[in-house]
Amino acid sequence: MTPTATTPAPAGPSRRLPTNVSYGSWELIWSHIHQMLVVNLGTAVACLPLLAALATTHEPWRHPVPFALLWLCVGPALAGAFGFLERAADDTADTARVIELPRAYRRLFRRATALWAPYALLAAAGATDAVLLRHTAVGLAVCPALAVVAVLSALSGVHAMALTAAAGPEDRPLTPADYLTAPYGLLRRWPLALADLVLLLSAAALVDRAPLLGLATLPGCALYVVWRNVRAVHARLEPADTAAPRGR
């Protein structure tokens, strides 16, 4: 019996595996990763004195004055990171250069330090008192309030650094309205502020568990989300709302 030749299937259009991410999307992803790594490195270097002191001290709340002073270096570091993100968001500028972060740090240092100091010192005082009074007779009554003051002060300071980076360096002196704008927006748009708080506390807890891995991956991502939320919060505030703290 002669084997019959099989008829070849009609040639149809060749099927290609779909490309999930285009070249432009990959470029955007790697650009974002690059920005996060730059923020991670810059923040760690700027906060190196504080990180070294925390690594070598078992109970930092027993040394409030030195750590309160070291805590002041966080503000300019945040302002520099947010300034770099502002620069990276500018489509007309060359945003890929690492040098933009130290430039933003140097440009915003004086104003960021002056604006960060009250928030930082209030947060440090509230946290220290809450820890030291937790086992005393009045601890149950005052510790929750002190903890709330410390958290709100620190979060207001972070938001103030993002606003400072967005405004850029200014020659005019700071006014009470500059100190009230961040907490005002924080209270007016509290859901986003609460999301920022949860994100920052989670990042801090993970960094405490795995310092090297945490510092290499988490600060940039957390600060990027906070930066976007701060921009959204103050973009939604009406001009009358923004001017409200000035008239009070």
C-alpha atoms as a PDB file:
ATOM      1  CA  MET A   1       0.000   0.000   0.000  1.00  0.00           C
ATOM      2  CA  THR A   2       1.443   3.305  -1.083  1.00  0.00           C
ATOM      3  CA  PRO A   3       1.461   5.914   1.704  1.00  0.00           C
ATOM      4  CA  THR A   4      -0.519   8.951   0.803  1.00  0.00           C
ATOM      5  CA  ALA A   5       1.176  12.291   1.061  1.00  0.00           C
ATOM      6  CA  THR A   6      -0.309  14.575   3.625  1.00  0.00           C
ATOM      7  CA  THR A   7      -1.580  17.842   2.313  1.00  0.00           C
ATOM      8  CA  PRO A   8       0.291  20.763   3.949  1.00  0.00           C
ATOM      9  CA  ALA A   9      -1.825  23.115   5.923  1.00  0.00           C
ATOM     10  CA  PRO A  10      -2.545  26.389   4.207  1.00  0.00           C
ATOM     11  CA  ALA A  11      -0.038  29.017   5.025  1.00  0.00           C
ATOM     12  CA  GLY A  12      -1.536  31.644   7.264  1.00  0.00           C
ATOM     13  CA  PRO A  13      -0.186  34.731   8.903  1.00  0.00           C
ATOM     14  CA  SER A  14       2.627  33.878  11.286  1.00  0.00           C
ATOM     15  CA  ARG A  15       1.695  34.379  14.920  1.00  0.00           C
ATOM     16  CA  ARG A  16       4.145  36.323  17.081  1.00  0.00           C
ATOM     17  CA  LEU A  17       4.204  36.488  20.799  1.00  0.00           C
ATOM     18  CA  PRO A  18       2.794  39.822  21.917  1.00  0.00           C
ATOM     19  CA  THR A  19       5.259  42.233  23.406  1.00  0.00           C
ATOM     20  CA  ASN A  20       3.981  43.177  26.833  1.00  0.00           C
ATOM     21  CA  VAL A  21       6.184  46.227  27.304  1.00  0.00           C
ATOM     22  CA  SER A  22       7.368  48.478  24.520  1.00  0.00           C
ATOM     23  CA  TYR A  23      10.830  49.975  24.289  1.00  0.00           C
ATOM     24  CA  GLY A  24       9.546  53.309  25.543  1.00  0.00           C
ATOM     25  CA  SER A  25       7.953  51.640  28.553  1.00  0.00           C
ATOM     26  CA  TRP A  26      11.184  49.821  29.421  1.00  0.00           C
ATOM     27  CA  GLU A  27      13.060  53.096  29.156  1.00  0.00           C
ATOM     28  CA  LEU A  28      10.549  54.705  31.524  1.00  0.00           C
ATOM     29  CA  ILE A  29      10.838  51.817  33.991  1.00  0.00           C
ATOM     30  CA  TRP A  30      14.636  51.900  34.066  1.00  0.00           C
ATOM     31  CA  SER A  31      14.601  55.684  34.374  1.00  0.00           C
ATOM     32  CA  HIS A  32      12.334  55.362  37.412  1.00  0.00           C
ATOM     33  CA  ILE A  33      14.584  52.693  38.942  1.00  0.00           C
ATOM     34  CA  HIS A  34      17.569  54.952  38.373  1.00  0.00           C
ATOM     35  CA  GLN A  35      15.817  57.820  40.159  1.00  0.00           C
ATOM     36  CA  MET A  36      14.978  55.611  43.134  1.00  0.00           C
ATOM     37  CA  LEU A  37      18.570  54.382  43.435  1.00  0.00           C
ATOM     38  CA  VAL A  38      19.882  57.943  43.304  1.00  0.00           C
ATOM     39  CA  VAL A  39      17.439  58.993  46.036  1.00  0.00           C
ATOM     40  CA  ASN A  40      18.417  55.974  48.143  1.00  0.00           C
ATOM     41  CA  LEU A  41      22.117  56.756  47.860  1.00  0.00           C
ATOM     42  CA  GLY A  42      21.748  60.489  48.393  1.00  0.00           C
ATOM     43  CA  THR A  43      19.492  60.116  51.417  1.00  0.00           C
ATOM     44  CA  ALA A  44      21.778  57.555  53.036  1.00  0.00           C
ATOM     45  CA  VAL A  45      24.883  59.689  52.499  1.00  0.00           C
ATOM     46  CA  ALA A  46      23.225  62.877  53.781  1.00  0.00           C
ATOM     47  CA  CYS A  47      21.894  61.072  56.877  1.00  0.00           C
ATOM     48  CA  LEU A  48      25.085  59.081  57.496  1.00  0.00           C
ATOM     49  CA  PRO A  49      25.879  60.698  60.902  1.00  0.00           C
ATOM     50  CA  LEU A  50      22.417  59.845  62.199  1.00  0.00           C
ATOM     51  CA  LEU A  51      22.502  56.315  60.776  1.00  0.00           C
ATOM     52  CA  ALA A  52      25.934  55.660  62.291  1.00  0.00           C
ATOM     53  CA  ALA A  53      24.793  56.915  65.691  1.00  0.00           C
ATOM     54  CA  LEU A  54      21.658  54.761  65.566  1.00  0.00           C
ATOM     55  CA  ALA A  55      23.722  51.707  64.618  1.00  0.00           C
ATOM     56  CA  THR A  56      26.074  52.139  67.575  1.00  0.00           C
ATOM     57  CA  THR A  57      23.563  53.195  70.257  1.00  0.00           C
ATOM     58  CA  HIS A  58      21.271  50.684  71.901  1.00  0.00           C
ATOM     59  CA  GLU A  59      18.742  53.086  73.430  1.00  0.00           C
ATOM     60  CA  PRO A  60      18.888  56.407  71.577  1.00  0.00           C
ATOM     61  CA  TRP A  61      16.048  57.964  73.603  1.00  0.00           C
ATOM     62  CA  ARG A  62      18.406  58.055  76.592  1.00  0.00           C
ATOM     63  CA  HIS A  63      20.528  60.589  74.699  1.00  0.00           C
ATOM     64  CA  PRO A  64      17.920  63.098  73.479  1.00  0.00           C
ATOM     65  CA  VAL A  65      20.153  66.111  72.894  1.00  0.00           C
ATOM     66  CA  PRO A  66      22.759  64.499  70.574  1.00  0.00           C
ATOM     67  CA  PHE A  67      20.115  62.650  68.582  1.00  0.00           C
ATOM     68  CA  ALA A  68      17.913  65.733  68.337  1.00  0.00           C
ATOM     69  CA  LEU A  69      20.849  67.566  66.759  1.00  0.00           C
ATOM     70  CA  LEU A  70      21.587  64.663  64.417  1.00  0.00           C
ATOM     71  CA  TRP A  71      17.876  64.495  63.564  1.00  0.00           C
ATOM     72  CA  LEU A  72      18.225  67.969  62.013  1.00  0.00           C
ATOM     73  CA  CYS A  73      20.265  66.568  59.113  1.00  0.00           C
ATOM     74  CA  VAL A  74      17.222  64.673  57.834  1.00  0.00           C
ATOM     75  CA  GLY A  75      15.427  67.814  56.643  1.00  0.00           C
ATOM     76  CA  PRO A  76      17.993  68.948  54.044  1.00  0.00           C
ATOM     77  CA  ALA A  77      18.396  65.335  52.939  1.00  0.00           C
ATOM     78  CA  LEU A  78      14.657  65.088  52.259  1.00  0.00           C
ATOM     79  CA  ALA A  79      14.622  68.464  50.533  1.00  0.00           C
ATOM     80  CA  GLY A  80      17.494  67.365  48.292  1.00  0.00           C
ATOM     81  CA  ALA A  81      15.695  64.120  47.422  1.00  0.00           C
ATOM     82  CA  PHE A  82      12.442  65.918  46.660  1.00  0.00           C
ATOM     83  CA  GLY A  83      14.349  68.547  44.680  1.00  0.00           C
ATOM     84  CA  PHE A  84      15.902  65.795  42.574  1.00  0.00           C
ATOM     85  CA  LEU A  85      12.448  64.317  41.928  1.00  0.00           C
ATOM     86  CA  GLU A  86      11.164  67.753  40.945  1.00  0.00           C
ATOM     87  CA  ARG A  87      14.047  68.068  38.520  1.00  0.00           C
ATOM     88  CA  ALA A  88      13.391  64.595  37.146  1.00  0.00           C
ATOM     89  CA  ALA A  89       9.742  65.498  36.553  1.00  0.00           C
ATOM     90  CA  ASP A  90      10.781  68.407  34.329  1.00  0.00           C
ATOM     91  CA  ASP A  91      10.578  67.095  30.775  1.00  0.00           C
ATOM     92  CA  THR A  92      12.591  69.993  29.390  1.00  0.00           C
ATOM     93  CA  ALA A  93      15.636  69.357  31.603  1.00  0.00           C
ATOM     94  CA  ASP A  94      18.387  66.775  31.597  1.00  0.00           C
ATOM     95  CA  THR A  95      17.064  64.750  34.511  1.00  0.00           C
ATOM     96  CA  ALA A  96      19.254  61.634  34.347  1.00  0.00           C
ATOM     97  CA  ARG A  97      22.347  63.087  35.968  1.00  0.00           C
ATOM     98  CA  VAL A  98      23.153  62.068  39.522  1.00  0.00           C
ATOM     99  CA  ILE A  99      24.691  65.479  40.179  1.00  0.00           C
ATOM    100  CA  GLU A 100      21.202  67.009  40.311  1.00  0.00           C
ATOM    101  CA  LEU A 101      20.631  65.619  43.816  1.00  0.00           C
ATOM    102  CA  PRO A 102      23.687  67.208  45.512  1.00  0.00           C
ATOM    103  CA  ARG A 103      22.901  70.403  43.626  1.00  0.00           C
ATOM    104  CA  ALA A 104      19.374  70.420  45.024  1.00  0.00           C
ATOM    105  CA  TYR A 105      20.746  69.608  48.487  1.00  0.00           C
ATOM    106  CA  ARG A 106      23.166  72.530  48.376  1.00  0.00           C
ATOM    107  CA  ARG A 107      20.609  74.908  46.867  1.00  0.00           C
ATOM    108  CA  LEU A 108      17.891  74.160  49.461  1.00  0.00           C
ATOM    109  CA  PHE A 109      20.072  73.491  52.510  1.00  0.00           C
ATOM    110  CA  ARG A 110      19.632  76.745  54.440  1.00  0.00           C
ATOM    111  CA  ARG A 111      15.920  77.165  53.865  1.00  0.00           C
ATOM    112  CA  ALA A 112      15.199  73.473  54.475  1.00  0.00           C
ATOM    113  CA  THR A 113      17.157  73.490  57.744  1.00  0.00           C
ATOM    114  CA  ALA A 114      15.328  76.563  59.032  1.00  0.00           C
ATOM    115  CA  LEU A 115      11.953  75.105  58.062  1.00  0.00           C
ATOM    116  CA  TRP A 116      12.676  71.570  59.293  1.00  0.00           C
ATOM    117  CA  ALA A 117      14.095  72.500  62.702  1.00  0.00           C
ATOM    118  CA  PRO A 118      10.820  73.333  64.552  1.00  0.00           C
ATOM    119  CA  TYR A 119       9.072  70.216  63.273  1.00  0.00           C
ATOM    120  CA  ALA A 120      12.077  68.012  64.040  1.00  0.00           C
ATOM    121  CA  LEU A 121      12.646  69.339  67.548  1.00  0.00           C
ATOM    122  CA  LEU A 122       8.952  69.099  68.421  1.00  0.00           C
ATOM    123  CA  ALA A 123       8.813  65.529  67.115  1.00  0.00           C
ATOM    124  CA  ALA A 124      11.989  64.590  69.013  1.00  0.00           C
ATOM    125  CA  ALA A 125      10.693  66.125  72.247  1.00  0.00           C
ATOM    126  CA  GLY A 126       7.321  64.420  71.948  1.00  0.00           C
ATOM    127  CA  ALA A 127       8.797  61.019  71.145  1.00  0.00           C
ATOM    128  CA  THR A 128      11.389  61.226  73.938  1.00  0.00           C
ATOM    129  CA  ASP A 129       8.819  62.254  76.539  1.00  0.00           C
ATOM    130  CA  ALA A 130       6.430  59.525  75.424  1.00  0.00           C
ATOM    131  CA  VAL A 131       9.132  56.856  75.796  1.00  0.00           C
ATOM    132  CA  LEU A 132      10.407  58.118  79.159  1.00  0.00           C
ATOM    133  CA  LEU A 133       6.934  58.589  80.677  1.00  0.00           C
ATOM    134  CA  ARG A 134       5.354  55.366  79.459  1.00  0.00           C
ATOM    135  CA  HIS A 135       5.903  53.550  82.788  1.00  0.00           C
ATOM    136  CA  THR A 136       5.016  56.459  85.058  1.00  0.00           C
ATOM    137  CA  ALA A 137       1.712  57.304  86.737  1.00  0.00           C
ATOM    138  CA  VAL A 138       0.847  59.965  84.172  1.00  0.00           C
ATOM    139  CA  GLY A 139       2.121  57.957  81.235  1.00  0.00           C
ATOM    140  CA  LEU A 140      -1.238  56.415  80.371  1.00  0.00           C
ATOM    141  CA  ALA A 141      -2.797  59.857  80.135  1.00  0.00           C
ATOM    142  CA  VAL A 142      -0.128  61.837  78.311  1.00  0.00           C
ATOM    143  CA  CYS A 143       1.754  59.278  76.193  1.00  0.00           C
ATOM    144  CA  PRO A 144      -0.915  58.967  73.454  1.00  0.00           C
ATOM    145  CA  ALA A 145      -1.071  62.733  73.067  1.00  0.00           C
ATOM    146  CA  LEU A 146       2.716  63.021  72.970  1.00  0.00           C
ATOM    147  CA  ALA A 147       2.927  60.271  70.378  1.00  0.00           C
ATOM    148  CA  VAL A 148       0.344  62.015  68.184  1.00  0.00           C
ATOM    149  CA  VAL A 149       2.235  65.291  68.462  1.00  0.00           C
ATOM    150  CA  ALA A 150       5.502  63.594  67.531  1.00  0.00           C
ATOM    151  CA  VAL A 151       4.017  61.798  64.527  1.00  0.00           C
ATOM    152  CA  LEU A 152       2.136  64.815  63.185  1.00  0.00           C
ATOM    153  CA  SER A 153       5.177  67.040  63.627  1.00  0.00           C
ATOM    154  CA  ALA A 154       7.456  64.644  61.773  1.00  0.00           C
ATOM    155  CA  LEU A 155       4.949  64.125  58.955  1.00  0.00           C
ATOM    156  CA  SER A 156       4.363  67.877  58.659  1.00  0.00           C
ATOM    157  CA  GLY A 157       8.111  68.335  58.375  1.00  0.00           C
ATOM    158  CA  VAL A 158       8.326  65.797  55.560  1.00  0.00           C
ATOM    159  CA  HIS A 159       5.500  67.553  53.706  1.00  0.00           C
ATOM    160  CA  ALA A 160       7.182  70.911  54.304  1.00  0.00           C
ATOM    161  CA  MET A 161      10.379  69.611  52.696  1.00  0.00           C
ATOM    162  CA  ALA A 162       8.431  68.517  49.621  1.00  0.00           C
ATOM    163  CA  LEU A 163       6.816  71.957  49.398  1.00  0.00           C
ATOM    164  CA  THR A 164      10.204  73.636  49.793  1.00  0.00           C
ATOM    165  CA  ALA A 165      11.626  71.575  46.938  1.00  0.00           C
ATOM    166  CA  ALA A 166       8.631  72.427  44.755  1.00  0.00           C
ATOM    167  CA  ALA A 167       8.990  76.154  45.467  1.00  0.00           C
ATOM    168  CA  GLY A 168      12.758  76.174  45.018  1.00  0.00           C
ATOM    169  CA  PRO A 169      15.199  78.498  46.786  1.00  0.00           C
ATOM    170  CA  GLU A 170      13.715  81.850  47.743  1.00  0.00           C
ATOM    171  CA  ASP A 171      15.407  84.961  49.030  1.00  0.00           C
ATOM    172  CA  ARG A 172      12.521  86.112  51.191  1.00  0.00           C
ATOM    173  CA  PRO A 173      12.606  85.219  54.905  1.00  0.00           C
ATOM    174  CA  LEU A 174      10.376  82.502  56.268  1.00  0.00           C
ATOM    175  CA  THR A 175       6.995  83.607  57.599  1.00  0.00           C
ATOM    176  CA  PRO A 176       4.518  81.864  59.932  1.00  0.00           C
ATOM    177  CA  ALA A 177       2.491  80.901  56.873  1.00  0.00           C
ATOM    178  CA  ASP A 178       5.423  78.832  55.590  1.00  0.00           C
ATOM    179  CA  TYR A 179       5.327  76.779  58.777  1.00  0.00           C
ATOM    180  CA  LEU A 180       1.529  76.416  58.739  1.00  0.00           C
ATOM    181  CA  THR A 181       1.029  75.421  55.103  1.00  0.00           C
ATOM    182  CA  ALA A 182       2.232  71.822  55.508  1.00  0.00           C
ATOM    183  CA  PRO A 183       0.154  70.906  58.602  1.00  0.00           C
ATOM    184  CA  TYR A 184      -2.844  72.754  57.168  1.00  0.00           C
ATOM    185  CA  GLY A 185      -2.764  70.708  53.980  1.00  0.00           C
ATOM    186  CA  LEU A 186      -2.074  67.568  56.000  1.00  0.00           C
ATOM    187  CA  LEU A 187      -5.231  68.042  58.067  1.00  0.00           C
ATOM    188  CA  ARG A 188      -7.388  69.120  55.131  1.00  0.00           C
ATOM    189  CA  ARG A 189      -6.444  66.036  53.071  1.00  0.00           C
ATOM    190  CA  TRP A 190      -5.962  63.571  55.885  1.00  0.00           C
ATOM    191  CA  PRO A 191      -6.569  60.334  53.897  1.00  0.00           C
ATOM    192  CA  LEU A 192      -3.471  60.947  51.758  1.00  0.00           C
ATOM    193  CA  ALA A 193      -1.563  62.056  54.846  1.00  0.00           C
ATOM    194  CA  LEU A 194      -2.574  58.837  56.588  1.00  0.00           C
ATOM    195  CA  ALA A 195      -1.357  56.823  53.607  1.00  0.00           C
ATOM    196  CA  ASP A 196       1.964  58.675  53.759  1.00  0.00           C
ATOM    197  CA  LEU A 197       2.251  57.960  57.470  1.00  0.00           C
ATOM    198  CA  VAL A 198       1.598  54.235  57.056  1.00  0.00           C
ATOM    199  CA  LEU A 199       4.062  54.039  54.172  1.00  0.00           C
ATOM    200  CA  LEU A 200       6.847  55.884  56.013  1.00  0.00           C
ATOM    201  CA  LEU A 201       6.367  53.883  59.221  1.00  0.00           C
ATOM    202  CA  SER A 202       6.388  50.616  57.265  1.00  0.00           C
ATOM    203  CA  ALA A 203       9.555  51.617  55.430  1.00  0.00           C
ATOM    204  CA  ALA A 204      11.225  52.630  58.691  1.00  0.00           C
ATOM    205  CA  ALA A 205      10.268  49.313  60.307  1.00  0.00           C
ATOM    206  CA  LEU A 206      11.652  47.320  57.381  1.00  0.00           C
ATOM    207  CA  VAL A 207      14.868  49.343  57.362  1.00  0.00           C
ATOM    208  CA  ASP A 208      15.228  48.628  61.069  1.00  0.00           C
ATOM    209  CA  ARG A 209      14.892  44.890  60.379  1.00  0.00           C
ATOM    210  CA  ALA A 210      17.304  44.796  57.423  1.00  0.00           C
ATOM    211  CA  PRO A 211      19.283  48.059  57.341  1.00  0.00           C
ATOM    212  CA  LEU A 212      21.463  47.508  54.267  1.00  0.00           C
ATOM    213  CA  LEU A 213      18.780  45.951  52.097  1.00  0.00           C
ATOM    214  CA  GLY A 214      16.180  48.407  53.333  1.00  0.00           C
ATOM    215  CA  LEU A 215      18.306  51.486  52.691  1.00  0.00           C
ATOM    216  CA  ALA A 216      19.161  50.194  49.225  1.00  0.00           C
ATOM    217  CA  THR A 217      15.548  49.714  48.129  1.00  0.00           C
ATOM    218  CA  LEU A 218      12.913  51.441  50.260  1.00  0.00           C
ATOM    219  CA  PRO A 219      13.613  55.172  50.858  1.00  0.00           C
ATOM    220  CA  GLY A 220      13.355  56.177  47.206  1.00  0.00           C
ATOM    221  CA  CYS A 221      10.073  54.351  46.665  1.00  0.00           C
ATOM    222  CA  ALA A 222       8.508  55.702  49.856  1.00  0.00           C
ATOM    223  CA  LEU A 223       9.660  59.277  49.245  1.00  0.00           C
ATOM    224  CA  TYR A 224       8.441  59.148  45.650  1.00  0.00           C
ATOM    225  CA  VAL A 225       4.926  58.220  46.779  1.00  0.00           C
ATOM    226  CA  VAL A 226       5.002  60.896  49.490  1.00  0.00           C
ATOM    227  CA  TRP A 227       6.204  63.481  46.971  1.00  0.00           C
ATOM    228  CA  ARG A 228       3.362  62.632  44.591  1.00  0.00           C
ATOM    229  CA  ASN A 229       0.814  62.755  47.400  1.00  0.00           C
ATOM    230  CA  VAL A 230       2.039  66.147  48.613  1.00  0.00           C
ATOM    231  CA  ARG A 231       1.733  67.523  45.112  1.00  0.00           C
ATOM    232  CA  ALA A 232      -1.782  66.108  44.856  1.00  0.00           C
ATOM    233  CA  VAL A 233      -2.797  67.469  48.260  1.00  0.00           C
ATOM    234  CA  HIS A 234      -1.738  71.034  47.568  1.00  0.00           C
ATOM    235  CA  ALA A 235      -2.901  70.982  43.967  1.00  0.00           C
ATOM    236  CA  ARG A 236      -6.435  70.242  45.180  1.00  0.00           C
ATOM    237  CA  LEU A 237      -6.469  73.014  47.732  1.00  0.00           C
ATOM    238  CA  GLU A 238      -8.288  76.042  46.406  1.00  0.00           C
ATOM    239  CA  PRO A 239      -6.507  79.400  46.461  1.00  0.00           C
ATOM    240  CA  ALA A 240      -8.753  80.499  49.298  1.00  0.00           C
ATOM    241  CA  ASP A 241      -7.833  77.407  51.274  1.00  0.00           C
ATOM    242  CA  THR A 242      -4.143  77.947  50.648  1.00  0.00           C
ATOM    243  CA  ALA A 243      -4.383  81.514  51.800  1.00  0.00           C
ATOM    244  CA  ALA A 244      -6.375  80.625  54.910  1.00  0.00           C
ATOM    245  CA  PRO A 245      -3.349  80.137  57.212  1.00  0.00           C
ATOM    246  CA  ARG A 246      -2.021  83.551  56.190  1.00  0.00           C
ATOM    247  CA  GLY A 247      -5.078  85.343  57.434  1.00  0.00           C
ATOM    248  CA  ARG A 248      -5.095  83.657  60.783  1.00  0.00           C
END
